[in-house]
């Protein structure tokens, strides 16, 4: 019996040492995935143990990352140097948490999400394929030599394949409790207030500012440097070309108060009718 225990204990001890010291399987493939100056230098980085397996989930993280012991990094996920993961964070398979990224407590990062140059608050959800913190159409280096970031508040939900660019002259900001649907593009320097609702395929150009409780219908377009007051609602397919300073409902291209847009639509329908080959017109 003692001999049997010795035979099983020795391999278990060896396996434990291997998990602590050896690089992950397929080190060369993982190194190429992580990127770097070259595949050879990445191979050397993994082989030297800069990236190590995480005990909770099977993903890999850099030794210089700060990860709470309760965080889950699933197989295929990568956490880079300088990243900070809070309590009960879950990073799904295929996700990449880059340098200069912080993630607050109980936030869920789903599959194939890419985060760089951003901070994510507590109790957020980022759905599959979202990309946060990439360059927009231009960049600005601050006085301290650091690139600007995306700042996401608490209880924010970001839909699948949505992209949010980092700031160039100010940080891109998403306020608390804001909900963003799938396939939304948010440009650099955009500031969005709290409790906003942004529906699918909306596009917000750089340096736009949205107040609190703003709702954008599907495919709404907002031009750059436009400001929208709090408690504004925009109908689907609307286009905002100038500032909206009063709360209320708006629609059309360009966006106007909703009643005016309805009159425009009714007049256009009447003008387009034909009676015996001749057009007739009616003015309200």
Protein backbone atom coordinates (compact mmCIF):
# COMPACT_ATOMS: atom_id res chain seq x y z
CA UNK A 1 0.00 0.00 0.00
CA UNK A 2 2.79 2.42 0.89
CA UNK A 3 4.57 1.61 -2.35
CA UNK A 4 1.38 2.34 -4.30
CA UNK A 5 1.01 5.71 -2.58
CA UNK A 6 4.60 6.59 -3.39
CA UNK A 7 4.06 5.68 -7.03
CA UNK A 8 1.00 7.96 -7.30
CA UNK A 9 2.29 10.80 -5.14
CA UNK A 10 5.47 11.29 -7.15
CA UNK A 11 3.72 11.95 -10.50
CA UNK A 12 1.24 14.28 -8.79
CA UNK A 13 4.05 16.32 -7.26
CA UNK A 14 5.87 16.44 -10.57
CA UNK A 15 2.69 17.61 -12.32
CA UNK A 16 2.23 20.40 -9.76
CA UNK A 17 5.78 21.63 -10.32
CA UNK A 18 5.24 21.46 -14.07
CA UNK A 19 2.12 23.60 -13.88
CA UNK A 20 3.97 26.26 -11.92
CA UNK A 21 7.14 26.35 -13.97
CA UNK A 22 6.48 25.14 -17.50
CA UNK A 23 5.03 27.33 -20.27
CA UNK A 24 1.57 26.51 -21.61
CA UNK A 25 1.13 23.96 -24.38
CA UNK A 26 1.68 25.11 -27.94
CA UNK A 27 3.88 27.96 -26.73
CA UNK A 28 4.89 29.01 -30.22
CA UNK A 29 1.28 29.31 -31.40
CA UNK A 30 0.31 31.24 -28.26
CA UNK A 31 3.29 33.55 -28.68
CA UNK A 32 2.23 34.43 -32.21
CA UNK A 33 -1.29 35.10 -30.91
CA UNK A 34 -0.02 37.43 -28.22
CA UNK A 35 1.94 39.44 -30.78
CA UNK A 36 5.11 41.43 -30.19
CA UNK A 37 8.24 42.53 -32.02
CA UNK A 38 8.58 39.13 -33.70
CA UNK A 39 7.48 35.54 -33.37
CA UNK A 40 10.92 34.62 -32.08
CA UNK A 41 10.88 37.22 -29.32
CA UNK A 42 7.33 36.17 -28.37
CA UNK A 43 8.44 32.55 -28.23
CA UNK A 44 11.20 33.62 -25.87
CA UNK A 45 8.74 35.58 -23.73
CA UNK A 46 6.43 32.62 -23.26
CA UNK A 47 9.30 30.23 -22.76
CA UNK A 48 10.75 32.48 -20.08
CA UNK A 49 7.46 32.35 -18.21
CA UNK A 50 6.27 35.94 -18.72
CA UNK A 51 2.81 34.54 -19.52
CA UNK A 52 1.59 31.82 -17.19
CA UNK A 53 -1.59 29.71 -16.96
CA UNK A 54 -4.29 31.05 -14.65
CA UNK A 55 -5.53 28.60 -12.06
CA UNK A 56 -9.18 29.62 -12.44
CA UNK A 57 -10.45 28.94 -15.96
CA UNK A 58 -7.42 27.85 -17.95
CA UNK A 59 -6.51 31.15 -19.65
CA UNK A 60 -3.10 32.81 -19.54
CA UNK A 61 -1.95 36.07 -18.00
CA UNK A 62 1.18 38.11 -17.75
CA UNK A 63 3.06 37.96 -14.49
CA UNK A 64 2.80 41.76 -14.23
CA UNK A 65 -1.02 41.72 -14.40
CA UNK A 66 -3.00 42.26 -11.22
CA UNK A 67 -5.81 39.69 -11.05
CA UNK A 68 -8.08 39.01 -8.09
CA UNK A 69 -8.00 35.32 -7.07
CA UNK A 70 -11.76 35.07 -7.64
CA UNK A 71 -11.52 36.22 -11.27
CA UNK A 72 -12.11 33.65 -14.01
CA UNK A 73 -9.98 33.75 -17.17
CA UNK A 74 -11.34 31.09 -19.48
CA UNK A 75 -9.28 28.91 -21.82
CA UNK A 76 -8.02 30.88 -24.80
CA UNK A 77 -8.30 34.27 -23.07
CA UNK A 78 -5.19 36.42 -22.57
CA UNK A 79 -4.53 39.10 -19.94
CA UNK A 80 -1.56 41.36 -20.69
CA UNK A 81 0.94 43.19 -18.53
CA UNK A 82 -0.43 46.02 -16.40
CA UNK A 83 -4.07 44.90 -16.65
CA UNK A 84 -6.18 44.90 -13.47
CA UNK A 85 -9.08 42.49 -12.93
CA UNK A 86 -11.33 42.95 -9.91
CA UNK A 87 -13.30 40.52 -7.80
CA UNK A 88 -15.53 37.97 -9.59
CA UNK A 89 -14.63 39.23 -13.07
CA UNK A 90 -15.17 36.68 -15.85
CA UNK A 91 -13.16 36.88 -19.08
CA UNK A 92 -14.54 34.59 -21.79
CA UNK A 93 -12.62 32.40 -24.21
CA UNK A 94 -10.83 34.27 -26.98
CA UNK A 95 -11.00 37.61 -25.19
CA UNK A 96 -7.91 39.82 -24.96
CA UNK A 97 -7.42 42.21 -22.05
CA UNK A 98 -4.60 44.50 -23.12
CA UNK A 99 -2.20 46.71 -21.18
CA UNK A 100 -3.63 49.74 -19.35
CA UNK A 101 -7.00 48.06 -18.88
CA UNK A 102 -8.87 47.88 -15.57
CA UNK A 103 -12.08 45.89 -15.04
CA UNK A 104 -14.31 46.40 -12.02
CA UNK A 105 -16.00 43.88 -9.77
CA UNK A 106 -18.43 41.31 -11.20
CA UNK A 107 -18.07 42.49 -14.80
CA UNK A 108 -18.61 39.83 -17.48
CA UNK A 109 -16.45 39.94 -20.61
CA UNK A 110 -17.87 37.56 -23.21
CA UNK A 111 -16.12 35.69 -26.02
CA UNK A 112 -13.65 37.39 -28.39
CA UNK A 113 -13.94 40.82 -26.77
CA UNK A 114 -10.83 42.99 -27.21
CA UNK A 115 -10.04 45.65 -24.60
CA UNK A 116 -7.20 48.17 -24.73
CA UNK A 117 -6.60 51.59 -23.15
CA UNK A 118 -9.83 51.57 -21.18
CA UNK A 119 -11.40 51.21 -17.76
CA UNK A 120 -14.60 49.25 -17.26
CA UNK A 121 -16.73 49.76 -14.15
CA UNK A 122 -18.51 47.30 -11.90
CA UNK A 123 -21.33 44.93 -12.89
CA UNK A 124 -20.94 45.60 -16.62
CA UNK A 125 -21.56 43.21 -19.50
CA UNK A 126 -19.59 43.30 -22.75
CA UNK A 127 -21.03 40.94 -25.34
CA UNK A 128 -19.24 38.86 -27.96
CA UNK A 129 -16.85 40.61 -30.30
CA UNK A 130 -16.99 44.10 -28.78
CA UNK A 131 -13.84 46.18 -29.34
CA UNK A 132 -13.07 48.93 -26.86
CA UNK A 133 -10.20 51.41 -26.86
CA UNK A 134 -8.77 51.21 -30.37
CA UNK A 135 -7.57 54.31 -32.19
CA UNK A 136 -10.13 56.54 -33.86
CA UNK A 137 -9.40 58.83 -36.82
CA UNK A 138 -6.50 60.56 -35.10
CA UNK A 139 -4.82 60.59 -31.72
CA UNK A 140 -3.38 63.00 -29.18
CA UNK A 141 -0.59 62.53 -26.68
CA UNK A 142 -1.20 64.27 -23.37
CA UNK A 143 1.32 66.31 -21.41
CA UNK A 144 2.34 63.22 -19.47
CA UNK A 145 3.06 61.34 -22.68
CA UNK A 146 0.17 58.91 -22.24
CA UNK A 147 -2.54 58.14 -24.76
CA UNK A 148 -6.10 58.90 -23.73
CA UNK A 149 -8.64 56.23 -22.80
CA UNK A 150 -12.21 55.00 -22.83
CA UNK A 151 -13.94 55.26 -19.44
CA UNK A 152 -16.98 53.04 -18.98
CA UNK A 153 -19.15 53.51 -15.90
CA UNK A 154 -20.95 50.98 -13.71
CA UNK A 155 -23.82 48.72 -14.80
CA UNK A 156 -23.15 49.42 -18.48
CA UNK A 157 -24.08 46.87 -21.15
CA UNK A 158 -22.36 46.88 -24.54
CA UNK A 159 -23.73 44.77 -27.39
CA UNK A 160 -22.00 42.33 -29.72
CA UNK A 161 -19.53 43.73 -32.28
CA UNK A 162 -19.88 47.26 -30.98
CA UNK A 163 -16.78 49.47 -31.30
CA UNK A 164 -15.84 52.35 -29.01
CA UNK A 165 -12.74 54.40 -29.93
CA UNK A 166 -10.45 55.86 -27.31
CA UNK A 167 -10.10 59.61 -26.97
CA UNK A 168 -7.78 61.90 -28.89
CA UNK A 169 -8.11 65.24 -27.04
CA UNK A 170 -10.40 64.04 -24.23
CA UNK A 171 -11.36 60.64 -22.90
CA UNK A 172 -14.27 58.82 -24.47
CA UNK A 173 -16.83 58.37 -21.67
CA UNK A 174 -19.85 56.06 -21.28
CA UNK A 175 -21.99 56.98 -18.27
CA UNK A 176 -23.45 54.69 -15.62
CA UNK A 177 -26.45 52.48 -16.49
CA UNK A 178 -26.15 53.16 -20.23
CA UNK A 179 -27.24 50.32 -22.53
CA UNK A 180 -25.73 49.96 -26.00
CA UNK A 181 -27.08 47.52 -28.58
CA UNK A 182 -25.20 45.44 -31.18
CA UNK A 183 -23.22 46.90 -34.09
CA UNK A 184 -22.94 50.44 -32.71
CA UNK A 185 -20.00 52.69 -33.59
CA UNK A 186 -18.93 55.32 -31.05
CA UNK A 187 -16.12 57.59 -32.21
CA UNK A 188 -13.23 59.09 -30.30
CA UNK A 189 -13.86 61.84 -27.70
CA UNK A 190 -17.57 61.03 -27.50
CA UNK A 191 -19.15 61.66 -24.09
CA UNK A 192 -22.39 59.83 -23.29
CA UNK A 193 -24.29 60.53 -20.10
CA UNK A 194 -25.96 58.14 -17.70
CA UNK A 195 -29.00 55.94 -18.39
CA UNK A 196 -28.85 56.35 -22.18
CA UNK A 197 -30.29 53.79 -24.64
CA UNK A 198 -28.55 53.33 -27.99
CA UNK A 199 -30.16 50.92 -30.44
CA UNK A 200 -28.48 48.78 -33.10
CA UNK A 201 -26.41 50.20 -35.98
CA UNK A 202 -26.38 53.72 -34.54
CA UNK A 203 -23.28 55.75 -35.32
CA UNK A 204 -21.90 58.60 -33.23
CA UNK A 205 -19.09 60.60 -34.81
CA UNK A 206 -16.11 61.95 -32.92
CA UNK A 207 -16.39 64.58 -30.19
CA UNK A 208 -20.20 64.41 -29.94
CA UNK A 209 -21.72 64.94 -26.49
CA UNK A 210 -24.93 63.30 -25.28
CA UNK A 211 -26.65 64.23 -22.03
CA UNK A 212 -28.42 61.89 -19.62
CA UNK A 213 -31.45 59.73 -20.52
CA UNK A 214 -30.92 60.11 -24.26
CA UNK A 215 -32.48 57.43 -26.49
CA UNK A 216 -31.27 56.73 -30.04
CA UNK A 217 -33.40 54.55 -32.30
CA UNK A 218 -31.90 52.11 -34.76
CA UNK A 219 -29.51 53.52 -37.36
CA UNK A 220 -29.49 57.01 -35.89
CA UNK A 221 -26.49 59.02 -37.10
CA UNK A 222 -24.92 61.86 -35.14
CA UNK A 223 -22.35 64.09 -36.79
CA UNK A 224 -19.11 65.14 -35.12
CA UNK A 225 -18.95 67.91 -32.48
CA UNK A 226 -22.73 67.93 -31.98
CA UNK A 227 -24.26 68.32 -28.50
CA UNK A 228 -27.57 66.74 -27.53
CA UNK A 229 -29.42 67.80 -24.39
CA UNK A 230 -30.62 65.37 -21.74
CA UNK A 231 -33.96 63.56 -22.18
CA UNK A 232 -33.92 63.68 -25.97
CA UNK A 233 -35.38 60.79 -27.98
CA UNK A 234 -34.50 60.28 -31.65
CA UNK A 235 -36.61 58.20 -34.03
CA UNK A 236 -34.99 55.43 -36.07
CA UNK A 237 -32.96 56.50 -39.13
CA UNK A 238 -32.75 60.09 -37.91
CA UNK A 239 -29.63 62.16 -38.56
CA UNK A 240 -28.49 64.88 -36.17
CA UNK A 241 -26.57 67.60 -37.98
CA UNK A 242 -26.68 70.40 -35.41
CA UNK A 243 -27.04 70.83 -31.66
CA UNK A 244 -30.29 69.82 -29.97
CA UNK A 245 -30.74 72.06 -26.95
CA UNK A 246 -34.23 71.18 -25.68
CA UNK A 247 -35.56 67.85 -24.37
CA UNK A 248 -38.19 66.12 -26.48
CA UNK A 249 -38.75 63.78 -29.41
CA UNK A 250 -37.02 64.36 -32.74
CA UNK A 251 -36.85 62.62 -36.10
CA UNK A 252 -35.96 62.97 -39.76
CA UNK A 253 -32.97 64.03 -41.84
CA UNK A 254 -31.89 66.46 -40.59
CA UNK A 255 -33.54 65.80 -37.22
CA UNK A 256 -36.30 68.24 -36.27
CA UNK A 257 -39.01 68.15 -33.57
CA UNK A 258 -41.17 65.08 -34.07
CA UNK A 259 -44.37 66.92 -35.00
CA UNK A 260 -42.57 68.91 -37.67
CA UNK A 261 -41.06 65.70 -39.05
CA UNK A 262 -44.50 64.09 -39.23
CA UNK A 263 -45.87 67.05 -41.17
CA UNK A 264 -42.92 66.85 -43.56
CA UNK A 265 -43.56 63.16 -44.11
CA UNK A 266 -47.30 63.65 -44.69
CA UNK A 267 -46.68 66.49 -47.17
CA UNK A 268 -44.14 64.43 -49.07
CA UNK A 269 -46.60 61.56 -49.38
CA UNK A 270 -49.32 63.89 -50.67
CA UNK A 271 -47.02 65.63 -53.12
CA UNK A 272 -45.95 62.30 -54.61
CA UNK A 273 -49.51 61.16 -55.43
CA UNK A 274 -50.84 61.37 -58.95
CA UNK A 275 -54.41 61.78 -60.13
CA UNK A 276 -55.04 61.23 -63.84
CA UNK A 277 -51.39 61.79 -64.63
CA UNK A 278 -51.34 65.17 -62.89
CA UNK A 279 -49.96 65.97 -59.47
CA UNK A 280 -52.06 67.80 -56.92
CA UNK A 281 -50.79 69.58 -53.88
CA UNK A 282 -52.22 70.32 -50.49
CA UNK A 283 -50.66 72.64 -47.96
CA UNK A 284 -51.52 72.21 -44.31
